[in-house]
Amino acid sequence: MSEHASESLSEKFVPVLRDQFWQHYSLTELTQPEWEALCDGCGLCCLVKLEDEDTGEVVYTSAACQLLNTKTARCNDYSNRQSIVPDCLQLTPERVPELKWLPPSCAYKRLDLGQALPRWHPLITGNPNSVRKARKSAAGRCVSETEINEADIEEYVIRWVR
């Protein structure tokens, strides 16, 4: 196969994103590739969260879903995650407003609230590692839930998610 032919084939599989789509379209108007591109890959939604039954306050822990790669903050089996982890939630435009525990930096939450993407977001910087450089990622800052005793979960509460 010629070099030109292989470039043409690979170009067919590159998702097309409309220019600055996040500024021009609502969450419900996004294509699937645009929806996926909004995720900055921080992994914060995959951290175990605790909710105070009395106050409703939600705190994050450094314990991560069993499928989260703790070094990269990426799901190890994204396409099958819901069958492996039954309580894994699929984010949808309809669910975003209901999920009060989404971190303030979450692109889905920010756009739903009419806010701009943070300046370090990969769609703004063009760099997929910008979220990690901004210290907004769980990468290297979490441990798999399979490695901890569930009874000790409160020892893993973190305060850096803001």
Foldseek 3Di string as FASTA:
>chain_A
DDPVVVVVVVVVVDDDDPVVVLVPDAQVPGDPVVNVLLFLLQLQVQFDWDADPVPRDIFTFLAGEQQQDQQRSDGVCVVCVCVVPVPDDDDGLVCLVVCPPDFPQRSSVQSNVVHDHPCQRCVNVVDSCSCVVVVQHSRVVHDYPVPDDPVCRVVGTDDPRD
